Amino acid sequence: MPKVAYSDEDRERIRAELVAVGLELMSKQGIRHTTVEQIYKKVGISRTFFYSFFSTKEELVLETLYLQQPKVIEYSHKLMTDPAMSWRAAAKKFLHDCCYGEKTGIAVMTIEEQQLIFKHLSKENYQVFRQKQRLLFGKILESFGIKADTERINLFTNLSLSVMVMRRALPDTLPLLVPEAADETVDFQLDAIVDILEKLKRMDQVSDSGN
């Protein structure tokens, strides 16, 4: 007979599996192209049971992004402590791998996905997202050896997400840009971002040496 009652432990395990499977699929094929049906079928539950955990796909997407955050921070630490890589090479590789998340297993929202997600966010959930976002980008800056104050976190967030979103938007969302030059454009922007980060790092070193 089919199981009709689940323990709290069962539900906690299934919920965690839904989020993990969601992140796996979304990082490979994009958030927009990942369906609720793909997720619950891979986990082995029904559509009705899925919606007892998440009222909308957007709610699940946020959970997958939260699950991804410590993995992203860990990856930045791994690169920055790699003795075979220079500081600049490690910082640029990290940002590059985020831009090409479908190849490296990092989920990044497109412009359309961001609009869809935030359209369904309550004010409270929006604030939670912003707090977690600030924490994520602050931790990444710290892994780069850069002091993470609010102004720097905000700038780093916008610069990083701008190039990631632009890369994902070509050619569909930004048809007037030239898709053939997408990779070269990303590379140029990443160099510019790393230039700024390197400048901030030097400023911190000078400040620390003067204290």
N, C-alpha and C. Protein backbone atom coordinates (compact mmCIF):
# COMPACT_ATOMS: atom_id res chain seq x y z
N MET A 1 0.84 -1.20 0.00
CA MET A 1 0.00 0.00 0.00
C MET A 1 0.88 1.25 0.00
N PRO A 2 0.42 2.30 -0.69
CA PRO A 2 1.22 3.53 -0.69
C PRO A 2 1.28 4.16 0.69
N LYS A 3 2.37 4.77 0.97
CA LYS A 3 2.55 5.41 2.28
C LYS A 3 1.71 6.67 2.34
N VAL A 4 0.90 6.80 3.37
CA VAL A 4 0.00 7.95 3.47
C VAL A 4 0.40 8.90 4.59
N ALA A 5 1.33 8.48 5.43
CA ALA A 5 1.77 9.35 6.53
C ALA A 5 3.29 9.36 6.57
N TYR A 6 3.85 10.55 6.78
CA TYR A 6 5.29 10.70 6.83
C TYR A 6 5.69 11.30 8.17
N SER A 7 6.77 10.79 8.72
CA SER A 7 7.27 11.35 9.97
C SER A 7 7.91 12.70 9.69
N ASP A 8 8.18 13.43 10.75
CA ASP A 8 8.86 14.72 10.59
C ASP A 8 10.23 14.52 9.95
N GLU A 9 10.89 13.43 10.32
CA GLU A 9 12.21 13.14 9.76
C GLU A 9 12.11 12.85 8.26
N ASP A 10 11.06 12.11 7.86
CA ASP A 10 10.84 11.83 6.45
C ASP A 10 10.64 13.12 5.66
N ARG A 11 9.79 13.99 6.19
CA ARG A 11 9.47 15.23 5.50
C ARG A 11 10.71 16.13 5.40
N GLU A 12 11.50 16.16 6.46
CA GLU A 12 12.72 16.97 6.44
C GLU A 12 13.69 16.44 5.39
N ARG A 13 13.81 15.11 5.31
CA ARG A 13 14.70 14.51 4.32
C ARG A 13 14.22 14.78 2.89
N ILE A 14 12.92 14.64 2.66
CA ILE A 14 12.37 14.85 1.33
C ILE A 14 12.51 16.31 0.92
N ARG A 15 12.26 17.21 1.85
CA ARG A 15 12.39 18.64 1.54
C ARG A 15 13.83 18.98 1.16
N ALA A 16 14.78 18.45 1.91
CA ALA A 16 16.19 18.70 1.61
C ALA A 16 16.56 18.12 0.25
N GLU A 17 15.99 16.96 -0.07
CA GLU A 17 16.27 16.34 -1.37
C GLU A 17 15.68 17.16 -2.51
N LEU A 18 14.49 17.72 -2.30
CA LEU A 18 13.89 18.57 -3.33
C LEU A 18 14.77 19.78 -3.62
N VAL A 19 15.28 20.39 -2.57
CA VAL A 19 16.14 21.57 -2.75
C VAL A 19 17.44 21.18 -3.44
N ALA A 20 18.03 20.07 -3.03
CA ALA A 20 19.29 19.63 -3.63
C ALA A 20 19.12 19.27 -5.11
N VAL A 21 18.04 18.56 -5.42
CA VAL A 21 17.77 18.19 -6.82
C VAL A 21 17.46 19.45 -7.62
N GLY A 22 16.69 20.37 -7.03
CA GLY A 22 16.39 21.62 -7.72
C GLY A 22 17.65 22.38 -8.07
N LEU A 23 18.59 22.46 -7.13
CA LEU A 23 19.85 23.17 -7.39
C LEU A 23 20.65 22.46 -8.47
N GLU A 24 20.69 21.15 -8.43
CA GLU A 24 21.43 20.38 -9.43
C GLU A 24 20.89 20.65 -10.84
N LEU A 25 19.57 20.60 -10.99
CA LEU A 25 18.97 20.81 -12.31
C LEU A 25 19.09 22.26 -12.76
N MET A 26 18.85 23.19 -11.84
CA MET A 26 18.88 24.61 -12.22
C MET A 26 20.28 25.08 -12.58
N SER A 27 21.29 24.54 -11.92
CA SER A 27 22.66 24.95 -12.24
C SER A 27 23.09 24.43 -13.60
N LYS A 28 22.50 23.30 -14.03
CA LYS A 28 22.87 22.70 -15.32
C LYS A 28 22.07 23.26 -16.49
N GLN A 29 20.75 23.45 -16.28
CA GLN A 29 19.91 23.81 -17.42
C GLN A 29 19.21 25.15 -17.27
N GLY A 30 19.52 25.85 -16.18
CA GLY A 30 18.91 27.16 -15.96
C GLY A 30 17.62 27.06 -15.16
N ILE A 31 17.32 28.11 -14.44
CA ILE A 31 16.13 28.13 -13.59
C ILE A 31 14.87 28.08 -14.44
N ARG A 32 14.85 28.86 -15.51
CA ARG A 32 13.66 28.96 -16.35
C ARG A 32 13.31 27.62 -16.99
N HIS A 33 14.34 26.84 -17.35
CA HIS A 33 14.10 25.58 -18.06
C HIS A 33 13.96 24.38 -17.13
N THR A 34 14.02 24.63 -15.83
CA THR A 34 13.81 23.56 -14.86
C THR A 34 12.38 23.64 -14.35
N THR A 35 11.65 22.55 -14.47
CA THR A 35 10.25 22.54 -14.08
C THR A 35 10.05 21.84 -12.74
N VAL A 36 8.95 22.18 -12.12
CA VAL A 36 8.58 21.51 -10.88
C VAL A 36 8.43 20.01 -11.12
N GLU A 37 7.85 19.66 -12.26
CA GLU A 37 7.64 18.25 -12.57
C GLU A 37 8.96 17.48 -12.64
N GLN A 38 9.98 18.08 -13.26
CA GLN A 38 11.28 17.43 -13.33
C GLN A 38 11.83 17.15 -11.93
N ILE A 39 11.63 18.10 -11.05
CA ILE A 39 12.18 17.98 -9.69
C ILE A 39 11.46 16.90 -8.89
N TYR A 40 10.13 16.98 -8.82
CA TYR A 40 9.44 16.01 -7.97
C TYR A 40 9.49 14.60 -8.53
N LYS A 41 9.58 14.47 -9.85
CA LYS A 41 9.70 13.13 -10.43
C LYS A 41 11.06 12.52 -10.11
N LYS A 42 12.10 13.35 -10.13
CA LYS A 42 13.44 12.84 -9.82
C LYS A 42 13.54 12.42 -8.36
N VAL A 43 12.84 13.14 -7.49
CA VAL A 43 12.83 12.79 -6.07
C VAL A 43 11.93 11.59 -5.81
N GLY A 44 10.94 11.39 -6.69
CA GLY A 44 10.06 10.24 -6.56
C GLY A 44 8.81 10.49 -5.74
N ILE A 45 8.30 11.73 -5.80
CA ILE A 45 7.06 12.05 -5.09
C ILE A 45 6.05 12.61 -6.08
N SER A 46 4.83 12.82 -5.61
CA SER A 46 3.78 13.33 -6.48
C SER A 46 3.79 14.85 -6.52
N ARG A 47 3.10 15.40 -7.51
CA ARG A 47 2.96 16.85 -7.63
C ARG A 47 2.27 17.43 -6.39
N THR A 48 1.22 16.76 -5.95
CA THR A 48 0.47 17.23 -4.78
C THR A 48 1.36 17.27 -3.55
N PHE A 49 2.17 16.22 -3.39
CA PHE A 49 3.05 16.16 -2.22
C PHE A 49 4.12 17.25 -2.30
N PHE A 50 4.61 17.53 -3.51
CA PHE A 50 5.60 18.61 -3.69
C PHE A 50 5.04 19.92 -3.14
N TYR A 51 3.81 20.22 -3.49
CA TYR A 51 3.22 21.50 -3.07
C TYR A 51 2.86 21.55 -1.60
N SER A 52 3.04 20.45 -0.90
CA SER A 52 2.91 20.51 0.56
C SER A 52 4.19 21.04 1.20
N PHE A 53 5.27 21.11 0.41
CA PHE A 53 6.54 21.66 0.87
C PHE A 53 6.75 23.09 0.39
N PHE A 54 6.41 23.34 -0.87
CA PHE A 54 6.63 24.66 -1.47
C PHE A 54 5.36 25.08 -2.20
N SER A 55 4.87 26.25 -1.88
CA SER A 55 3.62 26.71 -2.49
C SER A 55 3.82 27.15 -3.93
N THR A 56 5.07 27.55 -4.29
CA THR A 56 5.37 27.98 -5.66
C THR A 56 6.76 27.51 -6.05
N LYS A 57 7.03 27.50 -7.33
CA LYS A 57 8.37 27.18 -7.81
C LYS A 57 9.35 28.23 -7.32
N GLU A 58 8.91 29.49 -7.29
CA GLU A 58 9.79 30.59 -6.88
C GLU A 58 10.29 30.40 -5.45
N GLU A 59 9.44 29.87 -4.60
CA GLU A 59 9.84 29.61 -3.21
C GLU A 59 10.96 28.57 -3.17
N LEU A 60 10.85 27.56 -4.00
CA LEU A 60 11.91 26.54 -4.07
C LEU A 60 13.19 27.13 -4.63
N VAL A 61 13.07 27.99 -5.64
CA VAL A 61 14.26 28.60 -6.25
C VAL A 61 15.07 29.34 -5.19
N LEU A 62 14.41 30.10 -4.34
CA LEU A 62 15.12 30.82 -3.29
C LEU A 62 15.87 29.86 -2.37
N GLU A 63 15.23 28.75 -2.03
CA GLU A 63 15.88 27.77 -1.16
C GLU A 63 17.11 27.17 -1.83
N THR A 64 17.03 26.94 -3.15
CA THR A 64 18.20 26.40 -3.85
C THR A 64 19.35 27.41 -3.85
N LEU A 65 19.01 28.68 -4.01
CA LEU A 65 20.06 29.71 -4.00
C LEU A 65 20.70 29.82 -2.62
N TYR A 66 19.89 29.68 -1.57
CA TYR A 66 20.43 29.71 -0.21
C TYR A 66 21.33 28.50 0.03
N LEU A 67 20.92 27.35 -0.48
CA LEU A 67 21.74 26.14 -0.34
C LEU A 67 23.07 26.30 -1.05
N GLN A 68 23.06 27.01 -2.16
CA GLN A 68 24.26 27.17 -2.96
C GLN A 68 25.28 28.10 -2.32
N GLN A 69 24.83 29.04 -1.51
CA GLN A 69 25.71 30.10 -1.01
C GLN A 69 26.95 29.57 -0.28
N PRO A 70 26.81 28.67 0.70
CA PRO A 70 28.04 28.18 1.36
C PRO A 70 28.96 27.42 0.42
N LYS A 71 28.41 26.78 -0.60
CA LYS A 71 29.23 26.07 -1.57
C LYS A 71 30.04 27.05 -2.40
N VAL A 72 29.41 28.18 -2.75
CA VAL A 72 30.11 29.21 -3.52
C VAL A 72 31.24 29.82 -2.69
N ILE A 73 30.96 30.09 -1.43
CA ILE A 73 31.99 30.65 -0.54
C ILE A 73 33.15 29.67 -0.39
N GLU A 74 32.81 28.40 -0.22
CA GLU A 74 33.85 27.37 -0.10
C GLU A 74 34.71 27.31 -1.37
N TYR A 75 34.06 27.46 -2.52
CA TYR A 75 34.80 27.42 -3.78
C TYR A 75 35.75 28.60 -3.90
N SER A 76 35.30 29.77 -3.47
CA SER A 76 36.18 30.95 -3.52
C SER A 76 37.39 30.75 -2.61
N HIS A 77 37.17 30.17 -1.43
CA HIS A 77 38.29 29.88 -0.51
C HIS A 77 39.27 28.89 -1.15
N LYS A 78 38.72 27.87 -1.80
CA LYS A 78 39.56 26.85 -2.43
C LYS A 78 40.47 27.46 -3.48
N LEU A 79 39.92 28.33 -4.31
CA LEU A 79 40.72 28.96 -5.36
C LEU A 79 41.78 29.89 -4.77
N MET A 80 41.36 30.68 -3.77
CA MET A 80 42.28 31.67 -3.23
C MET A 80 43.41 31.04 -2.42
N THR A 81 43.25 29.81 -2.00
CA THR A 81 44.31 29.13 -1.23
C THR A 81 45.07 28.12 -2.08
N ASP A 82 44.80 28.11 -3.38
CA ASP A 82 45.50 27.21 -4.29
C ASP A 82 46.91 27.77 -4.54
N PRO A 83 47.94 27.06 -4.10
CA PRO A 83 49.31 27.59 -4.25
C PRO A 83 49.75 27.70 -5.70
N ALA A 84 49.04 27.01 -6.60
CA ALA A 84 49.42 27.05 -8.01
C ALA A 84 48.86 28.26 -8.74
N MET A 85 48.01 29.03 -8.06
CA MET A 85 47.36 30.17 -8.72
C MET A 85 47.77 31.47 -8.05
N SER A 86 47.95 32.50 -8.86
CA SER A 86 48.18 33.83 -8.31
C SER A 86 46.86 34.37 -7.77
N TRP A 87 46.95 35.43 -6.95
CA TRP A 87 45.73 36.04 -6.41
C TRP A 87 44.82 36.49 -7.55
N ARG A 88 45.38 37.15 -8.52
CA ARG A 88 44.58 37.69 -9.62
C ARG A 88 43.93 36.56 -10.44
N ALA A 89 44.70 35.52 -10.73
CA ALA A 89 44.17 34.41 -11.51
C ALA A 89 43.03 33.71 -10.76
N ALA A 90 43.18 33.56 -9.45
CA ALA A 90 42.14 32.90 -8.66
C ALA A 90 40.86 33.73 -8.60
N ALA A 91 41.01 35.04 -8.39
CA ALA A 91 39.84 35.92 -8.33
C ALA A 91 39.10 35.94 -9.66
N LYS A 92 39.86 36.02 -10.75
CA LYS A 92 39.22 36.05 -12.07
C LYS A 92 38.56 34.72 -12.40
N LYS A 93 39.20 33.62 -12.05
CA LYS A 93 38.60 32.30 -12.33
C LYS A 93 37.30 32.13 -11.57
N PHE A 94 37.27 32.59 -10.32
CA PHE A 94 36.04 32.47 -9.54
C PHE A 94 34.90 33.22 -10.24
N LEU A 95 35.14 34.46 -10.61
CA LEU A 95 34.10 35.25 -11.27
C LEU A 95 33.73 34.65 -12.62
N HIS A 96 34.72 34.18 -13.35
CA HIS A 96 34.47 33.55 -14.65
C HIS A 96 33.57 32.32 -14.50
N ASP A 97 33.87 31.49 -13.51
CA ASP A 97 33.09 30.27 -13.32
C ASP A 97 31.66 30.58 -12.90
N CYS A 98 31.44 31.68 -12.19
CA CYS A 98 30.09 32.11 -11.85
C CYS A 98 29.34 32.57 -13.11
N CYS A 99 30.04 33.27 -14.00
CA CYS A 99 29.42 33.74 -15.24
C CYS A 99 28.97 32.58 -16.12
N TYR A 100 29.75 31.51 -16.11
CA TYR A 100 29.44 30.34 -16.94
C TYR A 100 28.95 29.19 -16.04
N GLY A 101 27.98 29.53 -15.20
CA GLY A 101 27.49 28.60 -14.20
C GLY A 101 26.92 27.31 -14.74
N GLU A 102 26.35 27.35 -15.94
CA GLU A 102 25.78 26.13 -16.52
C GLU A 102 26.87 25.11 -16.81
N LYS A 103 28.13 25.56 -16.92
CA LYS A 103 29.24 24.65 -17.17
C LYS A 103 29.95 24.25 -15.88
N THR A 104 29.79 25.06 -14.85
CA THR A 104 30.53 24.83 -13.60
C THR A 104 29.63 24.46 -12.42
N GLY A 105 28.32 24.36 -12.67
CA GLY A 105 27.41 23.94 -11.61
C GLY A 105 27.01 25.03 -10.64
N ILE A 106 27.04 26.29 -11.09
CA ILE A 106 26.63 27.42 -10.25
C ILE A 106 25.40 28.05 -10.87
N ALA A 107 24.31 28.10 -10.12
CA ALA A 107 23.06 28.66 -10.63
C ALA A 107 23.08 30.18 -10.53
N VAL A 108 22.82 30.85 -11.65
CA VAL A 108 22.75 32.31 -11.71
C VAL A 108 21.46 32.69 -12.41
N MET A 109 20.70 33.61 -11.82
CA MET A 109 19.41 34.00 -12.40
C MET A 109 19.59 34.93 -13.59
N THR A 110 18.78 34.72 -14.62
CA THR A 110 18.72 35.65 -15.75
C THR A 110 17.87 36.86 -15.34
N ILE A 111 17.80 37.85 -16.23
CA ILE A 111 16.96 39.02 -15.96
C ILE A 111 15.51 38.61 -15.79
N GLU A 112 15.02 37.75 -16.69
CA GLU A 112 13.62 37.32 -16.61
C GLU A 112 13.34 36.54 -15.34
N GLU A 113 14.29 35.70 -14.95
CA GLU A 113 14.12 34.91 -13.73
C GLU A 113 14.11 35.79 -12.50
N GLN A 114 14.97 36.81 -12.49
CA GLN A 114 14.97 37.74 -11.35
C GLN A 114 13.62 38.46 -11.25
N GLN A 115 13.11 38.90 -12.38
CA GLN A 115 11.82 39.60 -12.37
C GLN A 115 10.71 38.70 -11.86
N LEU A 116 10.72 37.45 -12.31
CA LEU A 116 9.69 36.50 -11.90
C LEU A 116 9.78 36.17 -10.42
N ILE A 117 10.99 35.94 -9.95
CA ILE A 117 11.18 35.59 -8.54
C ILE A 117 10.72 36.73 -7.63
N PHE A 118 11.19 37.93 -7.91
CA PHE A 118 10.91 39.04 -7.00
C PHE A 118 9.47 39.51 -7.08
N LYS A 119 8.81 39.17 -8.17
CA LYS A 119 7.39 39.48 -8.27
C LYS A 119 6.58 38.69 -7.25
N HIS A 120 7.10 37.53 -6.86
CA HIS A 120 6.40 36.65 -5.92
C HIS A 120 6.92 36.78 -4.49
N LEU A 121 7.89 37.65 -4.27
CA LEU A 121 8.47 37.77 -2.93
C LEU A 121 7.65 38.72 -2.04
N SER A 122 7.42 38.29 -0.82
CA SER A 122 6.82 39.19 0.15
C SER A 122 7.91 40.16 0.62
N LYS A 123 7.50 41.22 1.29
CA LYS A 123 8.46 42.20 1.78
C LYS A 123 9.44 41.56 2.75
N GLU A 124 8.93 40.66 3.58
CA GLU A 124 9.78 39.99 4.56
C GLU A 124 10.79 39.08 3.88
N ASN A 125 10.33 38.31 2.89
CA ASN A 125 11.24 37.41 2.19
C ASN A 125 12.26 38.18 1.36
N TYR A 126 11.86 39.34 0.87
CA TYR A 126 12.81 40.19 0.14
C TYR A 126 13.94 40.63 1.06
N GLN A 127 13.59 41.02 2.27
CA GLN A 127 14.60 41.45 3.24
C GLN A 127 15.53 40.31 3.61
N VAL A 128 14.98 39.11 3.76
CA VAL A 128 15.79 37.93 4.06
C VAL A 128 16.77 37.68 2.93
N PHE A 129 16.26 37.78 1.68
CA PHE A 129 17.14 37.56 0.54
C PHE A 129 18.27 38.56 0.52
N ARG A 130 17.95 39.83 0.76
CA ARG A 130 18.98 40.87 0.74
C ARG A 130 20.04 40.61 1.81
N GLN A 131 19.61 40.20 2.99
CA GLN A 131 20.55 39.91 4.07
C GLN A 131 21.50 38.78 3.69
N LYS A 132 20.93 37.72 3.12
CA LYS A 132 21.74 36.57 2.72
C LYS A 132 22.66 36.95 1.56
N GLN A 133 22.17 37.80 0.67
CA GLN A 133 22.99 38.24 -0.45
C GLN A 133 24.19 39.05 0.04
N ARG A 134 23.94 39.97 0.97
CA ARG A 134 25.04 40.78 1.52
C ARG A 134 26.07 39.89 2.21
N LEU A 135 25.58 38.89 2.94
CA LEU A 135 26.48 37.97 3.62
C LEU A 135 27.33 37.20 2.62
N LEU A 136 26.70 36.72 1.54
CA LEU A 136 27.41 35.97 0.52
C LEU A 136 28.53 36.79 -0.10
N PHE A 137 28.20 37.97 -0.61
CA PHE A 137 29.21 38.77 -1.30
C PHE A 137 30.26 39.31 -0.33
N GLY A 138 29.86 39.53 0.92
CA GLY A 138 30.84 39.95 1.92
C GLY A 138 31.85 38.85 2.21
N LYS A 139 31.36 37.62 2.32
CA LYS A 139 32.25 36.48 2.57
C LYS A 139 33.20 36.25 1.39
N ILE A 140 32.69 36.46 0.19
CA ILE A 140 33.55 36.30 -0.99
C ILE A 140 34.66 37.35 -0.98
N LEU A 141 34.30 38.59 -0.69
CA LEU A 141 35.32 39.64 -0.59
C LEU A 141 36.37 39.27 0.46
N GLU A 142 35.93 38.78 1.59
CA GLU A 142 36.86 38.42 2.66
C GLU A 142 37.77 37.28 2.22
N SER A 143 37.22 36.34 1.44
CA SER A 143 38.06 35.24 0.94
C SER A 143 39.12 35.78 -0.02
N PHE A 144 38.84 36.91 -0.66
CA PHE A 144 39.82 37.56 -1.54
C PHE A 144 40.84 38.38 -0.74
N GLY A 145 40.66 38.44 0.57
CA GLY A 145 41.57 39.23 1.40
C GLY A 145 41.25 40.70 1.40
N ILE A 146 39.96 41.03 1.17
CA ILE A 146 39.52 42.42 1.08
C ILE A 146 38.52 42.69 2.19
N LYS A 147 38.70 43.80 2.88
CA LYS A 147 37.76 44.16 3.94
C LYS A 147 36.39 44.43 3.35
N ALA A 148 35.37 43.87 3.99
CA ALA A 148 34.02 43.90 3.41
C ALA A 148 33.11 44.83 4.19
N ASP A 149 33.21 46.14 3.90
CA ASP A 149 32.24 47.06 4.48
C ASP A 149 31.03 47.16 3.54
N THR A 150 29.99 47.84 3.99
CA THR A 150 28.74 47.89 3.23
C THR A 150 28.92 48.47 1.84
N GLU A 151 29.67 49.54 1.74
CA GLU A 151 29.86 50.20 0.44
C GLU A 151 30.56 49.27 -0.55
N ARG A 152 31.57 48.58 -0.07
CA ARG A 152 32.31 47.66 -0.95
C ARG A 152 31.44 46.46 -1.35
N ILE A 153 30.70 45.93 -0.40
CA ILE A 153 29.82 44.79 -0.71
C ILE A 153 28.81 45.18 -1.78
N ASN A 154 28.21 46.36 -1.63
CA ASN A 154 27.21 46.81 -2.61
C ASN A 154 27.81 46.95 -4.01
N LEU A 155 29.00 47.55 -4.08
CA LEU A 155 29.66 47.74 -5.36
C LEU A 155 30.03 46.40 -5.99
N PHE A 156 30.62 45.53 -5.19
CA PHE A 156 31.04 44.21 -5.68
C PHE A 156 29.84 43.39 -6.15
N THR A 157 28.74 43.48 -5.42
CA THR A 157 27.52 42.77 -5.80
C THR A 157 27.04 43.23 -7.17
N ASN A 158 26.93 44.54 -7.35
CA ASN A 158 26.43 45.07 -8.62
C ASN A 158 27.36 44.77 -9.79
N LEU A 159 28.66 44.94 -9.57
CA LEU A 159 29.61 44.68 -10.65
C LEU A 159 29.59 43.20 -11.05
N SER A 160 29.58 42.32 -10.06
CA SER A 160 29.60 40.88 -10.34
C SER A 160 28.32 40.43 -11.03
N LEU A 161 27.19 40.82 -10.48
CA LEU A 161 25.91 40.37 -11.05
C LEU A 161 25.68 40.98 -12.43
N SER A 162 26.18 42.19 -12.65
CA SER A 162 25.99 42.83 -13.97
C SER A 162 26.61 42.00 -15.08
N VAL A 163 27.85 41.55 -14.87
CA VAL A 163 28.51 40.77 -15.92
C VAL A 163 27.90 39.38 -16.03
N MET A 164 27.49 38.80 -14.91
CA MET A 164 26.85 37.47 -14.96
C MET A 164 25.53 37.53 -15.70
N VAL A 165 24.73 38.53 -15.39
CA VAL A 165 23.42 38.67 -16.03
C VAL A 165 23.57 39.00 -17.51
N MET A 166 24.53 39.87 -17.83
CA MET A 166 24.76 40.21 -19.23
C MET A 166 25.14 38.97 -20.03
N ARG A 167 26.02 38.16 -19.48
CA ARG A 167 26.46 36.95 -20.19
C ARG A 167 25.28 36.00 -20.43
N ARG A 168 24.39 35.88 -19.44
CA ARG A 168 23.23 34.99 -19.59
C ARG A 168 22.17 35.59 -20.51
N ALA A 169 22.20 36.91 -20.69
CA ALA A 169 21.15 37.57 -21.47
C ALA A 169 21.40 37.54 -22.98
N LEU A 170 22.63 37.25 -23.37
CA LEU A 170 22.93 37.21 -24.80
C LEU A 170 22.63 35.83 -25.38
N PRO A 171 21.93 35.79 -26.53
CA PRO A 171 21.43 36.92 -27.33
C PRO A 171 19.94 37.21 -27.11
N ASP A 172 19.26 36.39 -26.32
CA ASP A 172 17.79 36.46 -26.28
C ASP A 172 17.24 37.75 -25.67
N THR A 173 17.72 38.12 -24.49
CA THR A 173 17.15 39.26 -23.78
C THR A 173 17.73 40.59 -24.24
N LEU A 174 18.97 40.55 -24.70
CA LEU A 174 19.64 41.78 -25.17
C LEU A 174 20.03 41.59 -26.64
N PRO A 175 19.06 41.56 -27.52
CA PRO A 175 19.32 41.21 -28.93
C PRO A 175 20.13 42.24 -29.70
N LEU A 176 20.22 43.47 -29.19
CA LEU A 176 20.98 44.49 -29.91
C LEU A 176 22.47 44.45 -29.59
N LEU A 177 22.85 43.68 -28.58
CA LEU A 177 24.28 43.45 -28.36
C LEU A 177 24.76 42.37 -29.32
N VAL A 178 26.06 42.27 -29.47
CA VAL A 178 26.62 41.34 -30.45
C VAL A 178 27.00 40.03 -29.76
N PRO A 179 26.27 38.96 -29.98
CA PRO A 179 26.54 37.70 -29.28
C PRO A 179 27.90 37.10 -29.62
N GLU A 180 28.40 37.36 -30.84
CA GLU A 180 29.69 36.81 -31.23
C GLU A 180 30.84 37.35 -30.37
N ALA A 181 30.62 38.51 -29.75
CA ALA A 181 31.67 39.10 -28.91
C ALA A 181 31.37 38.92 -27.42
N ALA A 182 30.46 38.03 -27.09
CA ALA A 182 30.03 37.86 -25.69
C ALA A 182 31.19 37.44 -24.80
N ASP A 183 31.94 36.42 -25.20
CA ASP A 183 33.02 35.92 -24.35
C ASP A 183 34.12 36.97 -24.17
N GLU A 184 34.44 37.68 -25.24
CA GLU A 184 35.47 38.73 -25.14
C GLU A 184 35.00 39.86 -24.24
N THR A 185 33.69 40.17 -24.31
CA THR A 185 33.14 41.23 -23.47
C THR A 185 33.19 40.83 -22.00
N VAL A 186 32.82 39.59 -21.72
CA VAL A 186 32.89 39.08 -20.34
C VAL A 186 34.32 39.15 -19.83
N ASP A 187 35.27 38.72 -20.64
CA ASP A 187 36.67 38.71 -20.22
C ASP A 187 37.16 40.12 -19.90
N PHE A 188 36.78 41.09 -20.74
CA PHE A 188 37.17 42.49 -20.51
C PHE A 188 36.57 42.99 -19.19
N GLN A 189 35.29 42.70 -18.96
CA GLN A 189 34.62 43.17 -17.75
C GLN A 189 35.21 42.51 -16.50
N LEU A 190 35.55 41.23 -16.61
CA LEU A 190 36.15 40.55 -15.46
C LEU A 190 37.50 41.15 -15.12
N ASP A 191 38.30 41.47 -16.12
CA ASP A 191 39.59 42.12 -15.86
C ASP A 191 39.38 43.46 -15.16
N ALA A 192 38.36 44.20 -15.58
CA ALA A 192 38.09 45.50 -14.96
C ALA A 192 37.66 45.33 -13.50
N ILE A 193 36.84 44.33 -13.23
CA ILE A 193 36.40 44.07 -11.85
C ILE A 193 37.59 43.67 -10.98
N VAL A 194 38.42 42.79 -11.51
CA VAL A 194 39.59 42.34 -10.73
C VAL A 194 40.55 43.50 -10.51
N ASP A 195 40.66 44.41 -11.46
CA ASP A 195 41.49 45.62 -11.26
C ASP A 195 41.01 46.40 -10.04
N ILE A 196 39.69 46.56 -9.93
CA ILE A 196 39.11 47.29 -8.80
C ILE A 196 39.36 46.54 -7.49
N LEU A 197 39.16 45.24 -7.52
CA LEU A 197 39.39 44.44 -6.32
C LEU A 197 40.84 44.50 -5.88
N GLU A 198 41.75 44.46 -6.85
CA GLU A 198 43.17 44.52 -6.54
C GLU A 198 43.53 45.86 -5.92
N LYS A 199 42.91 46.91 -6.41
CA LYS A 199 43.14 48.24 -5.84
C LYS A 199 42.66 48.30 -4.39
N LEU A 200 41.49 47.73 -4.13
CA LEU A 200 40.97 47.70 -2.76
C LEU A 200 41.88 46.90 -1.85
N LYS A 201 42.40 45.80 -2.35
CA LYS A 201 43.29 44.96 -1.55
C LYS A 201 44.57 45.72 -1.19
N ARG A 202 45.11 46.45 -2.16
CA ARG A 202 46.32 47.23 -1.89
C ARG A 202 46.03 48.33 -0.86
N MET A 203 44.87 48.95 -0.98
CA MET A 203 44.51 50.00 -0.01
C MET A 203 44.44 49.43 1.40
N ASP A 204 43.90 48.23 1.52
CA ASP A 204 43.81 47.60 2.84
C ASP A 204 45.19 47.28 3.38
N GLN A 205 46.08 46.84 2.51
CA GLN A 205 47.44 46.51 2.93
C GLN A 205 48.19 47.75 3.41
N VAL A 206 48.00 48.86 2.69
CA VAL A 206 48.63 50.12 3.08
C VAL A 206 48.06 50.59 4.42
N SER A 207 46.74 50.47 4.56
CA SER A 207 46.09 50.89 5.81
C SER A 207 46.57 50.05 6.98
N ASP A 208 46.70 48.75 6.76
CA ASP A 208 47.14 47.86 7.85
C ASP A 208 48.60 48.12 8.22
N SER A 209 49.43 48.43 7.24
CA SER A 209 50.85 48.67 7.51
C SER A 209 51.05 50.00 8.24
N GLY A 210 50.09 50.89 8.11
CA GLY A 210 50.21 52.19 8.76
C GLY A 210 49.68 52.20 10.18
N ASN A 211 49.04 51.11 10.58
CA ASN A 211 48.48 51.04 11.95
C ASN A 211 49.47 50.40 12.91
